[in-house]
Amino acid sequence: MQIPNLPSPPLPGTRWRHFKGGVYEVLVVAIAEASLEPQVVYKSLQTDDYWTRPLSVWVEEVSPGLPRFTPETKLQPPSEG
């Protein structure tokens, strides 16, 4: 999904650290029915709670030079076995 004027959305399966310290796994980027705004659907790895956040908020900085989320790991392709 390419969204105009925004960076590429996070990939499903990637892990991200919130600026307050929590680590989350992205499940999918969905579209909000009412606004048609892209939403990141993600899961807390500490509490197993599920969350949504507008993609525009996901990618913003909370202060100059401090992103709300930073990638923890890259999506790894399945190993050949």
C-alpha atoms as a PDB file:
ATOM      1  CA  MET A   1       0.000   0.000   0.000  1.00  0.00           C
ATOM      2  CA  GLN A   2       1.546   3.321  -1.046  1.00  0.00           C
ATOM      3  CA  ILE A   3       0.182   6.359   0.766  1.00  0.00           C
ATOM      4  CA  PRO A   4       0.837   9.778  -0.797  1.00  0.00           C
ATOM      5  CA  ASN A   5       2.977  12.218   1.223  1.00  0.00           C
ATOM      6  CA  LEU A   6       3.859   9.627   3.880  1.00  0.00           C
ATOM      7  CA  PRO A   7       6.826   7.287   4.236  1.00  0.00           C
ATOM      8  CA  SER A   8       6.287   3.632   3.420  1.00  0.00           C
ATOM      9  CA  PRO A   9       4.085   1.980   6.048  1.00  0.00           C
ATOM     10  CA  PRO A  10       5.655  -0.520   8.462  1.00  0.00           C
ATOM     11  CA  LEU A  11       5.688  -4.106   7.216  1.00  0.00           C
ATOM     12  CA  PRO A  12       3.670  -6.828   8.954  1.00  0.00           C
ATOM     13  CA  GLY A  13       5.913  -8.892  11.211  1.00  0.00           C
ATOM     14  CA  THR A  14       8.341  -6.075  11.981  1.00  0.00           C
ATOM     15  CA  ARG A  15       8.958  -4.997  15.568  1.00  0.00           C
ATOM     16  CA  TRP A  16       9.062  -1.397  16.650  1.00  0.00           C
ATOM     17  CA  ARG A  17      10.060   0.363  19.869  1.00  0.00           C
ATOM     18  CA  HIS A  18       7.866   3.203  21.110  1.00  0.00           C
ATOM     19  CA  PHE A  19       9.731   6.256  22.368  1.00  0.00           C
ATOM     20  CA  LYS A  20       8.486   5.421  25.897  1.00  0.00           C
ATOM     21  CA  GLY A  21      10.106   1.957  25.689  1.00  0.00           C
ATOM     22  CA  GLY A  22       7.414  -0.582  24.762  1.00  0.00           C
ATOM     23  CA  VAL A  23       8.052  -3.034  21.916  1.00  0.00           C
ATOM     24  CA  TYR A  24       5.287  -3.803  19.434  1.00  0.00           C
ATOM     25  CA  GLU A  25       4.774  -6.095  16.449  1.00  0.00           C
ATOM     26  CA  VAL A  26       2.984  -4.689  13.415  1.00  0.00           C
ATOM     27  CA  LEU A  27       0.167  -6.975  12.276  1.00  0.00           C
ATOM     28  CA  VAL A  28      -1.252  -5.089   9.290  1.00  0.00           C
ATOM     29  CA  VAL A  29      -1.930  -1.628   7.879  1.00  0.00           C
ATOM     30  CA  ALA A  30      -5.698  -1.272   7.571  1.00  0.00           C
ATOM     31  CA  ILE A  31      -8.049   1.464   6.368  1.00  0.00           C
ATOM     32  CA  ALA A  32     -10.431   3.153   8.808  1.00  0.00           C
ATOM     33  CA  GLU A  33     -13.967   2.814   7.476  1.00  0.00           C
ATOM     34  CA  ALA A  34     -15.191   6.255   8.530  1.00  0.00           C
ATOM     35  CA  SER A  35     -12.228   8.358   7.393  1.00  0.00           C
ATOM     36  CA  LEU A  36     -10.426   6.042   4.924  1.00  0.00           C
ATOM     37  CA  GLU A  37      -7.237   6.931   6.806  1.00  0.00           C
ATOM     38  CA  PRO A  38      -4.528   4.237   6.967  1.00  0.00           C
ATOM     39  CA  GLN A  39      -4.233   2.689  10.450  1.00  0.00           C
ATOM     40  CA  VAL A  40      -1.379   0.592  11.829  1.00  0.00           C
ATOM     41  CA  VAL A  41      -2.711  -2.443  13.724  1.00  0.00           C
ATOM     42  CA  TYR A  42      -0.120  -3.681  16.201  1.00  0.00           C
ATOM     43  CA  LYS A  43       0.347  -5.845  19.273  1.00  0.00           C
ATOM     44  CA  SER A  44       2.228  -5.169  22.501  1.00  0.00           C
ATOM     45  CA  LEU A  45       4.875  -7.817  23.090  1.00  0.00           C
ATOM     46  CA  GLN A  46       4.736  -7.080  26.829  1.00  0.00           C
ATOM     47  CA  THR A  47       0.972  -7.305  27.444  1.00  0.00           C
ATOM     48  CA  ASP A  48      -0.453  -8.994  24.296  1.00  0.00           C
ATOM     49  CA  ASP A  49      -2.870  -6.036  23.933  1.00  0.00           C
ATOM     50  CA  TYR A  50      -3.856  -5.020  20.393  1.00  0.00           C
ATOM     51  CA  TRP A  51      -3.775  -1.377  19.302  1.00  0.00           C
ATOM     52  CA  THR A  52      -4.453   0.809  16.292  1.00  0.00           C
ATOM     53  CA  ARG A  53      -2.869   4.130  15.481  1.00  0.00           C
ATOM     54  CA  PRO A  54      -3.215   6.344  12.405  1.00  0.00           C
ATOM     55  CA  LEU A  55      -0.231   5.867  10.099  1.00  0.00           C
ATOM     56  CA  SER A  56       0.280   9.643  10.059  1.00  0.00           C
ATOM     57  CA  VAL A  57       0.768   9.554  13.854  1.00  0.00           C
ATOM     58  CA  TRP A  58       2.895   6.355  13.728  1.00  0.00           C
ATOM     59  CA  VAL A  59       5.498   8.056  11.504  1.00  0.00           C
ATOM     60  CA  GLU A  60       5.578  11.474  13.197  1.00  0.00           C
ATOM     61  CA  GLU A  61       8.223  12.785  15.554  1.00  0.00           C
ATOM     62  CA  VAL A  62       7.118  13.567  19.110  1.00  0.00           C
ATOM     63  CA  SER A  63       9.821  16.236  19.234  1.00  0.00           C
ATOM     64  CA  PRO A  64      12.525  17.212  16.737  1.00  0.00           C
ATOM     65  CA  GLY A  65      14.744  14.186  16.104  1.00  0.00           C
ATOM     66  CA  LEU A  66      12.671  11.841  18.300  1.00  0.00           C
ATOM     67  CA  PRO A  67      10.445   9.504  16.261  1.00  0.00           C
ATOM     68  CA  ARG A  68       7.387   8.006  17.950  1.00  0.00           C
ATOM     69  CA  PHE A  69       8.441   4.499  16.781  1.00  0.00           C
ATOM     70  CA  THR A  70      11.797   3.128  15.634  1.00  0.00           C
ATOM     71  CA  PRO A  71      12.301  -0.279  13.992  1.00  0.00           C
ATOM     72  CA  GLU A  72      13.679  -3.034  16.233  1.00  0.00           C
ATOM     73  CA  THR A  73      14.093  -5.847  13.708  1.00  0.00           C
ATOM     74  CA  LYS A  74      13.606  -6.376  10.033  1.00  0.00           C
ATOM     75  CA  LEU A  75      11.152  -8.865   8.587  1.00  0.00           C
ATOM     76  CA  GLN A  76      13.104 -12.057   7.947  1.00  0.00           C
ATOM     77  CA  PRO A  77      12.288 -14.251   4.976  1.00  0.00           C
ATOM     78  CA  PRO A  78      11.340 -17.851   5.836  1.00  0.00           C
ATOM     79  CA  SER A  79      14.350 -20.123   6.054  1.00  0.00           C
ATOM     80  CA  GLU A  80      14.705 -22.774   3.421  1.00  0.00           C
ATOM     81  CA  GLY A  81      14.676 -26.168   4.981  1.00  0.00           C
END
